Amino acid sequence: MDASALGLTCFAAAIGMAIAAAGCGIGQGLGLKAACDGTARNPEAGGKIMVTLILGLAFVESLAIYALVVNLILLVANPFIGG
């Protein structure tokens, strides 16, 4: 196994996961901000807003999980490193 290829693979996986985590964090923060604003404007709709918020946060978080799976595949079953 080539050490430089393994090092570059680990670096790429770290950068990929960092970008995915940052994007998901920003998306979740914006979604939560919008839900809080909506609840503040119309408190009676708080229950419906919460259900929609939880569903939306689950979709956003699934993107981070997909990125984690891709990075684990890149690290464990790397097609670029012969071995």
PDB file of N, CA and C in Angstrom:
ATOM      1  N   MET A   1       0.850  -1.180   0.000  1.00  0.00           N
ATOM      2  CA  MET A   1       0.000   0.000   0.000  1.00  0.00           C
ATOM      3  C   MET A   1       0.891   1.236   0.000  1.00  0.00           C
ATOM      4  N   ASP A   2       0.611   2.127  -0.894  1.00  0.00           N
ATOM      5  CA  ASP A   2       1.391   3.342  -1.030  1.00  0.00           C
ATOM      6  C   ASP A   2       1.023   4.317   0.089  1.00  0.00           C
ATOM      7  N   ALA A   3       2.026   4.776   0.817  1.00  0.00           N
ATOM      8  CA  ALA A   3       1.772   5.643   1.968  1.00  0.00           C
ATOM      9  C   ALA A   3       1.227   7.004   1.548  1.00  0.00           C
ATOM     10  N   SER A   4       1.727   7.533   0.437  1.00  0.00           N
ATOM     11  CA  SER A   4       1.234   8.845   0.011  1.00  0.00           C
ATOM     12  C   SER A   4      -0.222   8.769  -0.455  1.00  0.00           C
ATOM     13  N   ALA A   5      -0.592   7.669  -1.113  1.00  0.00           N
ATOM     14  CA  ALA A   5      -1.991   7.507  -1.539  1.00  0.00           C
ATOM     15  C   ALA A   5      -2.905   7.372  -0.329  1.00  0.00           C
ATOM     16  N   LEU A   6      -2.445   6.647   0.688  1.00  0.00           N
ATOM     17  CA  LEU A   6      -3.243   6.505   1.904  1.00  0.00           C
ATOM     18  C   LEU A   6      -3.383   7.844   2.625  1.00  0.00           C
ATOM     19  N   GLY A   7      -2.309   8.602   2.667  1.00  0.00           N
ATOM     20  CA  GLY A   7      -2.363   9.919   3.300  1.00  0.00           C
ATOM     21  C   GLY A   7      -3.305  10.868   2.577  1.00  0.00           C
ATOM     22  N   LEU A   8      -3.240  10.864   1.252  1.00  0.00           N
ATOM     23  CA  LEU A   8      -4.147  11.714   0.480  1.00  0.00           C
ATOM     24  C   LEU A   8      -5.596  11.267   0.627  1.00  0.00           C
ATOM     25  N   THR A   9      -5.813   9.960   0.733  1.00  0.00           N
ATOM     26  CA  THR A   9      -7.166   9.450   0.930  1.00  0.00           C
ATOM     27  C   THR A   9      -7.717   9.888   2.281  1.00  0.00           C
ATOM     28  N   CYS A  10      -6.904   9.794   3.310  1.00  0.00           N
ATOM     29  CA  CYS A  10      -7.344  10.239   4.642  1.00  0.00           C
ATOM     30  C   CYS A  10      -7.624  11.737   4.654  1.00  0.00           C
ATOM     31  N   PHE A  11      -6.783  12.504   3.982  1.00  0.00           N
ATOM     32  CA  PHE A  11      -6.995  13.948   3.903  1.00  0.00           C
ATOM     33  C   PHE A  11      -8.284  14.271   3.154  1.00  0.00           C
ATOM     34  N   ALA A  12      -8.526  13.577   2.044  1.00  0.00           N
ATOM     35  CA  ALA A  12      -9.747  13.811   1.266  1.00  0.00           C
ATOM     36  C   ALA A  12     -10.990  13.439   2.066  1.00  0.00           C
ATOM     37  N   ALA A  13     -10.912  12.338   2.820  1.00  0.00           N
ATOM     38  CA  ALA A  13     -12.051  11.935   3.644  1.00  0.00           C
ATOM     39  C   ALA A  13     -12.314  12.964   4.743  1.00  0.00           C
ATOM     40  N   ALA A  14     -11.259  13.487   5.335  1.00  0.00           N
ATOM     41  CA  ALA A  14     -11.426  14.489   6.393  1.00  0.00           C
ATOM     42  C   ALA A  14     -12.027  15.778   5.842  1.00  0.00           C
ATOM     43  N   ILE A  15     -11.542  16.222   4.700  1.00  0.00           N
ATOM     44  CA  ILE A  15     -12.080  17.440   4.089  1.00  0.00           C
ATOM     45  C   ILE A  15     -13.532  17.232   3.669  1.00  0.00           C
ATOM     46  N   GLY A  16     -13.832  16.071   3.089  1.00  0.00           N
ATOM     47  CA  GLY A  16     -15.205  15.784   2.673  1.00  0.00           C
ATOM     48  C   GLY A  16     -16.171  15.770   3.837  1.00  0.00           C
ATOM     49  N   MET A  17     -15.766  15.160   4.937  1.00  0.00           N
ATOM     50  CA  MET A  17     -16.651  15.107   6.102  1.00  0.00           C
ATOM     51  C   MET A  17     -16.793  16.488   6.739  1.00  0.00           C
ATOM     52  N   ALA A  18     -15.726  17.272   6.723  1.00  0.00           N
ATOM     53  CA  ALA A  18     -15.804  18.620   7.287  1.00  0.00           C
ATOM     54  C   ALA A  18     -16.758  19.497   6.485  1.00  0.00           C
ATOM     55  N   ILE A  19     -16.691  19.402   5.171  1.00  0.00           N
ATOM     56  CA  ILE A  19     -17.594  20.189   4.326  1.00  0.00           C
ATOM     57  C   ILE A  19     -19.035  19.740   4.526  1.00  0.00           C
ATOM     58  N   ALA A  20     -19.251  18.426   4.591  1.00  0.00           N
ATOM     59  CA  ALA A  20     -20.609  17.909   4.793  1.00  0.00           C
ATOM     60  C   ALA A  20     -21.162  18.334   6.150  1.00  0.00           C
ATOM     61  N   ALA A  21     -20.345  18.260   7.184  1.00  0.00           N
ATOM     62  CA  ALA A  21     -20.806  18.644   8.520  1.00  0.00           C
ATOM     63  C   ALA A  21     -21.097  20.140   8.591  1.00  0.00           C
ATOM     64  N   ALA A  22     -20.258  20.944   7.961  1.00  0.00           N
ATOM     65  CA  ALA A  22     -20.490  22.389   7.967  1.00  0.00           C
ATOM     66  C   ALA A  22     -21.764  22.741   7.208  1.00  0.00           C
ATOM     67  N   GLY A  23     -21.954  22.116   6.058  1.00  0.00           N
ATOM     68  CA  GLY A  23     -23.167  22.384   5.282  1.00  0.00           C
ATOM     69  C   GLY A  23     -24.425  21.970   6.016  1.00  0.00           C
ATOM     70  N   CYS A  24     -24.376  20.812   6.655  1.00  0.00           N
ATOM     71  CA  CYS A  24     -25.546  20.353   7.411  1.00  0.00           C
ATOM     72  C   CYS A  24     -25.802  21.235   8.625  1.00  0.00           C
ATOM     73  N   GLY A  25     -24.754  21.674   9.276  1.00  0.00           N
ATOM     74  CA  GLY A  25     -24.927  22.565  10.423  1.00  0.00           C
ATOM     75  C   GLY A  25     -25.550  23.893  10.029  1.00  0.00           C
ATOM     76  N   ILE A  26     -25.107  24.438   8.916  1.00  0.00           N
ATOM     77  CA  ILE A  26     -25.688  25.693   8.433  1.00  0.00           C
ATOM     78  C   ILE A  26     -27.146  25.484   8.040  1.00  0.00           C
ATOM     79  N   GLY A  27     -27.426  24.389   7.344  1.00  0.00           N
ATOM     80  CA  GLY A  27     -28.801  24.105   6.937  1.00  0.00           C
ATOM     81  C   GLY A  27     -29.734  23.900   8.113  1.00  0.00           C
ATOM     82  N   GLN A  28     -29.260  23.191   9.121  1.00  0.00           N
ATOM     83  CA  GLN A  28     -30.089  22.968  10.302  1.00  0.00           C
ATOM     84  C   GLN A  28     -30.310  24.268  11.064  1.00  0.00           C
ATOM     85  N   GLY A  29     -29.290  25.093  11.132  1.00  0.00           N
ATOM     86  CA  GLY A  29     -29.442  26.374  11.814  1.00  0.00           C
ATOM     87  C   GLY A  29     -30.445  27.281  11.121  1.00  0.00           C
ATOM     88  N   LEU A  30     -30.392  27.316   9.793  1.00  0.00           N
ATOM     89  CA  LEU A  30     -31.349  28.142   9.055  1.00  0.00           C
ATOM     90  C   LEU A  30     -32.771  27.598   9.191  1.00  0.00           C
ATOM     91  N   GLY A  31     -32.904  26.274   9.179  1.00  0.00           N
ATOM     92  CA  GLY A  31     -34.230  25.681   9.359  1.00  0.00           C
ATOM     93  C   GLY A  31     -34.802  25.969  10.733  1.00  0.00           C
ATOM     94  N   LEU A  32     -33.963  25.873  11.748  1.00  0.00           N
ATOM     95  CA  LEU A  32     -34.416  26.161  13.110  1.00  0.00           C
ATOM     96  C   LEU A  32     -34.781  27.632  13.273  1.00  0.00           C
ATOM     97  N   LYS A  33     -34.002  28.507  12.653  1.00  0.00           N
ATOM     98  CA  LYS A  33     -34.315  29.940  12.707  1.00  0.00           C
ATOM     99  C   LYS A  33     -35.679  30.216  12.085  1.00  0.00           C
ATOM    100  N   ALA A  34     -35.943  29.607  10.931  1.00  0.00           N
ATOM    101  CA  ALA A  34     -37.228  29.823  10.263  1.00  0.00           C
ATOM    102  C   ALA A  34     -38.381  29.256  11.090  1.00  0.00           C
ATOM    103  N   ALA A  35     -38.162  28.110  11.728  1.00  0.00           N
ATOM    104  CA  ALA A  35     -39.214  27.526  12.565  1.00  0.00           C
ATOM    105  C   ALA A  35     -39.493  28.396  13.787  1.00  0.00           C
ATOM    106  N   CYS A  36     -38.450  28.929  14.386  1.00  0.00           N
ATOM    107  CA  CYS A  36     -38.650  29.814  15.545  1.00  0.00           C
ATOM    108  C   CYS A  36     -39.370  31.098  15.136  1.00  0.00           C
ATOM    109  N   ASP A  37     -39.001  31.651  13.983  1.00  0.00           N
ATOM    110  CA  ASP A  37     -39.694  32.847  13.499  1.00  0.00           C
ATOM    111  C   ASP A  37     -41.162  32.555  13.208  1.00  0.00           C
ATOM    112  N   GLY A  38     -41.436  31.416  12.597  1.00  0.00           N
ATOM    113  CA  GLY A  38     -42.816  31.055  12.297  1.00  0.00           C
ATOM    114  C   GLY A  38     -43.644  30.831  13.544  1.00  0.00           C
ATOM    115  N   THR A  39     -43.050  30.202  14.547  1.00  0.00           N
ATOM    116  CA  THR A  39     -43.766  29.981  15.802  1.00  0.00           C
ATOM    117  C   THR A  39     -43.990  31.299  16.543  1.00  0.00           C
ATOM    118  N   ALA A  40     -43.032  32.210  16.447  1.00  0.00           N
ATOM    119  CA  ALA A  40     -43.199  33.509  17.100  1.00  0.00           C
ATOM    120  C   ALA A  40     -44.311  34.321  16.442  1.00  0.00           C
ATOM    121  N   ARG A  41     -44.445  34.202  15.127  1.00  0.00           N
ATOM    122  CA  ARG A  41     -45.494  34.942  14.424  1.00  0.00           C
ATOM    123  C   ARG A  41     -46.872  34.330  14.631  1.00  0.00           C
ATOM    124  N   ASN A  42     -46.920  32.988  14.691  1.00  0.00           N
ATOM    125  CA  ASN A  42     -48.206  32.298  14.810  1.00  0.00           C
ATOM    126  C   ASN A  42     -48.062  31.149  15.804  1.00  0.00           C
ATOM    127  N   PRO A  43     -48.226  31.412  17.093  1.00  0.00           N
ATOM    128  CA  PRO A  43     -48.024  30.369  18.105  1.00  0.00           C
ATOM    129  C   PRO A  43     -48.983  29.187  17.977  1.00  0.00           C
ATOM    130  N   GLU A  44     -50.159  29.398  17.388  1.00  0.00           N
ATOM    131  CA  GLU A  44     -51.116  28.297  17.250  1.00  0.00           C
ATOM    132  C   GLU A  44     -50.635  27.236  16.268  1.00  0.00           C
ATOM    133  N   ALA A  45     -49.769  27.611  15.341  1.00  0.00           N
ATOM    134  CA  ALA A  45     -49.264  26.672  14.339  1.00  0.00           C
ATOM    135  C   ALA A  45     -47.977  25.998  14.795  1.00  0.00           C
ATOM    136  N   GLY A  46     -47.652  26.113  16.064  1.00  0.00           N
ATOM    137  CA  GLY A  46     -46.397  25.549  16.572  1.00  0.00           C
ATOM    138  C   GLY A  46     -46.279  24.053  16.380  1.00  0.00           C
ATOM    139  N   GLY A  47     -47.373  23.319  16.555  1.00  0.00           N
ATOM    140  CA  GLY A  47     -47.329  21.869  16.397  1.00  0.00           C
ATOM    141  C   GLY A  47     -47.028  21.446  14.972  1.00  0.00           C
ATOM    142  N   LYS A  48     -47.692  22.087  14.006  1.00  0.00           N
ATOM    143  CA  LYS A  48     -47.450  21.763  12.597  1.00  0.00           C
ATOM    144  C   LYS A  48     -46.040  22.160  12.177  1.00  0.00           C
ATOM    145  N   ILE A  49     -45.595  23.298  12.677  1.00  0.00           N
ATOM    146  CA  ILE A  49     -44.246  23.755  12.348  1.00  0.00           C
ATOM    147  C   ILE A  49     -43.215  22.790  12.913  1.00  0.00           C
ATOM    148  N   MET A  50     -43.449  22.288  14.127  1.00  0.00           N
ATOM    149  CA  MET A  50     -42.493  21.371  14.743  1.00  0.00           C
ATOM    150  C   MET A  50     -42.392  20.064  13.955  1.00  0.00           C
ATOM    151  N   VAL A  51     -43.524  19.543  13.501  1.00  0.00           N
ATOM    152  CA  VAL A  51     -43.504  18.300  12.720  1.00  0.00           C
ATOM    153  C   VAL A  51     -42.729  18.504  11.424  1.00  0.00           C
ATOM    154  N   THR A  52     -42.995  19.604  10.742  1.00  0.00           N
ATOM    155  CA  THR A  52     -42.280  19.902   9.502  1.00  0.00           C
ATOM    156  C   THR A  52     -40.797  20.127   9.769  1.00  0.00           C
ATOM    157  N   LEU A  53     -40.476  20.785  10.868  1.00  0.00           N
ATOM    158  CA  LEU A  53     -39.081  21.029  11.222  1.00  0.00           C
ATOM    159  C   LEU A  53     -38.346  19.724  11.466  1.00  0.00           C
ATOM    160  N   ILE A  54     -38.947  18.816  12.215  1.00  0.00           N
ATOM    161  CA  ILE A  54     -38.283  17.545  12.514  1.00  0.00           C
ATOM    162  C   ILE A  54     -38.059  16.746  11.237  1.00  0.00           C
ATOM    163  N   LEU A  55     -39.036  16.736  10.348  1.00  0.00           N
ATOM    164  CA  LEU A  55     -38.886  16.032   9.076  1.00  0.00           C
ATOM    165  C   LEU A  55     -37.778  16.661   8.234  1.00  0.00           C
ATOM    166  N   GLY A  56     -37.754  17.976   8.173  1.00  0.00           N
ATOM    167  CA  GLY A  56     -36.713  18.664   7.418  1.00  0.00           C
ATOM    168  C   GLY A  56     -35.329  18.443   7.995  1.00  0.00           C
ATOM    169  N   LEU A  57     -35.216  18.466   9.328  1.00  0.00           N
ATOM    170  CA  LEU A  57     -33.917  18.223   9.958  1.00  0.00           C
ATOM    171  C   LEU A  57     -33.443  16.795   9.716  1.00  0.00           C
ATOM    172  N   ALA A  58     -34.376  15.852   9.659  1.00  0.00           N
ATOM    173  CA  ALA A  58     -33.997  14.467   9.363  1.00  0.00           C
ATOM    174  C   ALA A  58     -33.439  14.355   7.950  1.00  0.00           C
ATOM    175  N   PHE A  59     -34.046  15.060   6.994  1.00  0.00           N
ATOM    176  CA  PHE A  59     -33.535  15.029   5.624  1.00  0.00           C
ATOM    177  C   PHE A  59     -32.158  15.673   5.535  1.00  0.00           C
ATOM    178  N   VAL A  60     -31.964  16.775   6.235  1.00  0.00           N
ATOM    179  CA  VAL A  60     -30.664  17.442   6.218  1.00  0.00           C
ATOM    180  C   VAL A  60     -29.608  16.553   6.867  1.00  0.00           C
ATOM    181  N   GLU A  61     -29.955  15.919   7.973  1.00  0.00           N
ATOM    182  CA  GLU A  61     -28.993  15.064   8.676  1.00  0.00           C
ATOM    183  C   GLU A  61     -28.657  13.819   7.860  1.00  0.00           C
ATOM    184  N   SER A  62     -29.593  13.373   7.035  1.00  0.00           N
ATOM    185  CA  SER A  62     -29.307  12.197   6.205  1.00  0.00           C
ATOM    186  C   SER A  62     -28.179  12.489   5.220  1.00  0.00           C
ATOM    187  N   LEU A  63     -28.036  13.734   4.797  1.00  0.00           N
ATOM    188  CA  LEU A  63     -26.931  14.077   3.905  1.00  0.00           C
ATOM    189  C   LEU A  63     -25.585  13.888   4.601  1.00  0.00           C
ATOM    190  N   ALA A  64     -25.501  14.239   5.871  1.00  0.00           N
ATOM    191  CA  ALA A  64     -24.264  14.026   6.620  1.00  0.00           C
ATOM    192  C   ALA A  64     -23.985  12.543   6.798  1.00  0.00           C
ATOM    193  N   ILE A  65     -25.034  11.753   6.995  1.00  0.00           N
ATOM    194  CA  ILE A  65     -24.849  10.307   7.140  1.00  0.00           C
ATOM    195  C   ILE A  65     -24.368   9.707   5.826  1.00  0.00           C
ATOM    196  N   TYR A  66     -24.925  10.160   4.690  1.00  0.00           N
ATOM    197  CA  TYR A  66     -24.457   9.678   3.389  1.00  0.00           C
ATOM    198  C   TYR A  66     -22.992  10.041   3.175  1.00  0.00           C
ATOM    199  N   ALA A  67     -22.598  11.243   3.559  1.00  0.00           N
ATOM    200  CA  ALA A  67     -21.197  11.645   3.427  1.00  0.00           C
ATOM    201  C   ALA A  67     -20.303  10.784   4.306  1.00  0.00           C
ATOM    202  N   LEU A  68     -20.772  10.446   5.508  1.00  0.00           N
ATOM    203  CA  LEU A  68     -19.997   9.575   6.386  1.00  0.00           C
ATOM    204  C   LEU A  68     -19.821   8.200   5.765  1.00  0.00           C
ATOM    205  N   VAL A  69     -20.872   7.657   5.179  1.00  0.00           N
ATOM    206  CA  VAL A  69     -20.784   6.338   4.542  1.00  0.00           C
ATOM    207  C   VAL A  69     -19.810   6.373   3.367  1.00  0.00           C
ATOM    208  N   VAL A  70     -19.885   7.404   2.546  1.00  0.00           N
ATOM    209  CA  VAL A  70     -18.966   7.517   1.409  1.00  0.00           C
ATOM    210  C   VAL A  70     -17.528   7.632   1.896  1.00  0.00           C
ATOM    211  N   ASN A  71     -17.298   8.403   2.949  1.00  0.00           N
ATOM    212  CA  ASN A  71     -15.941   8.545   3.474  1.00  0.00           C
ATOM    213  C   ASN A  71     -15.434   7.246   4.083  1.00  0.00           C
ATOM    214  N   LEU A  72     -16.295   6.500   4.767  1.00  0.00           N
ATOM    215  CA  LEU A  72     -15.867   5.208   5.307  1.00  0.00           C
ATOM    216  C   LEU A  72     -15.545   4.223   4.192  1.00  0.00           C
ATOM    217  N   ILE A  73     -16.335   4.236   3.127  1.00  0.00           N
ATOM    218  CA  ILE A  73     -16.027   3.379   1.978  1.00  0.00           C
ATOM    219  C   ILE A  73     -14.699   3.793   1.370  1.00  0.00           C
ATOM    220  N   LEU A  74     -14.462   5.087   1.280  1.00  0.00           N
ATOM    221  CA  LEU A  74     -13.205   5.581   0.726  1.00  0.00           C
ATOM    222  C   LEU A  74     -12.019   5.150   1.578  1.00  0.00           C
ATOM    223  N   LEU A  75     -12.197   5.109   2.893  1.00  0.00           N
ATOM    224  CA  LEU A  75     -11.097   4.725   3.777  1.00  0.00           C
ATOM    225  C   LEU A  75     -10.901   3.214   3.862  1.00  0.00           C
ATOM    226  N   VAL A  76     -11.996   2.451   3.890  1.00  0.00           N
ATOM    227  CA  VAL A  76     -11.890   1.013   4.132  1.00  0.00           C
ATOM    228  C   VAL A  76     -11.739   0.230   2.835  1.00  0.00           C
ATOM    229  N   ALA A  77     -12.580   0.494   1.866  1.00  0.00           N
ATOM    230  CA  ALA A  77     -12.562  -0.252   0.609  1.00  0.00           C
ATOM    231  C   ALA A  77     -12.122   0.674  -0.513  1.00  0.00           C
ATOM    232  N   ASN A  78     -10.946   1.210  -0.388  1.00  0.00           N
ATOM    233  CA  ASN A  78     -10.458   2.204  -1.324  1.00  0.00           C
ATOM    234  C   ASN A  78     -10.077   1.556  -2.651  1.00  0.00           C
ATOM    235  N   PRO A  79     -10.739   1.927  -3.738  1.00  0.00           N
ATOM    236  CA  PRO A  79     -10.387   1.339  -5.030  1.00  0.00           C
ATOM    237  C   PRO A  79      -9.112   1.932  -5.624  1.00  0.00           C
ATOM    238  N   PHE A  80      -8.622   3.030  -5.069  1.00  0.00           N
ATOM    239  CA  PHE A  80      -7.446   3.682  -5.618  1.00  0.00           C
ATOM    240  C   PHE A  80      -6.143   3.128  -5.054  1.00  0.00           C
ATOM    241  N   ILE A  81      -6.244   2.351  -3.985  1.00  0.00           N
ATOM    242  CA  ILE A  81      -5.052   1.768  -3.367  1.00  0.00           C
ATOM    243  C   ILE A  81      -5.097   0.269  -3.589  1.00  0.00           C
ATOM    244  N   GLY A  82      -4.142  -0.241  -4.303  1.00  0.00           N
ATOM    245  CA  GLY A  82      -4.088  -1.683  -4.538  1.00  0.00           C
ATOM    246  C   GLY A  82      -3.629  -2.399  -3.283  1.00  0.00           C
ATOM    247  N   GLY A  83      -4.169  -3.586  -3.068  1.00  0.00           N
ATOM    248  CA  GLY A  83      -3.708  -4.270  -1.864  1.00  0.00           C
ATOM    249  C   GLY A  83      -4.453  -5.427  -1.585  1.00  0.00           C
TER     250      GLY A  83
END
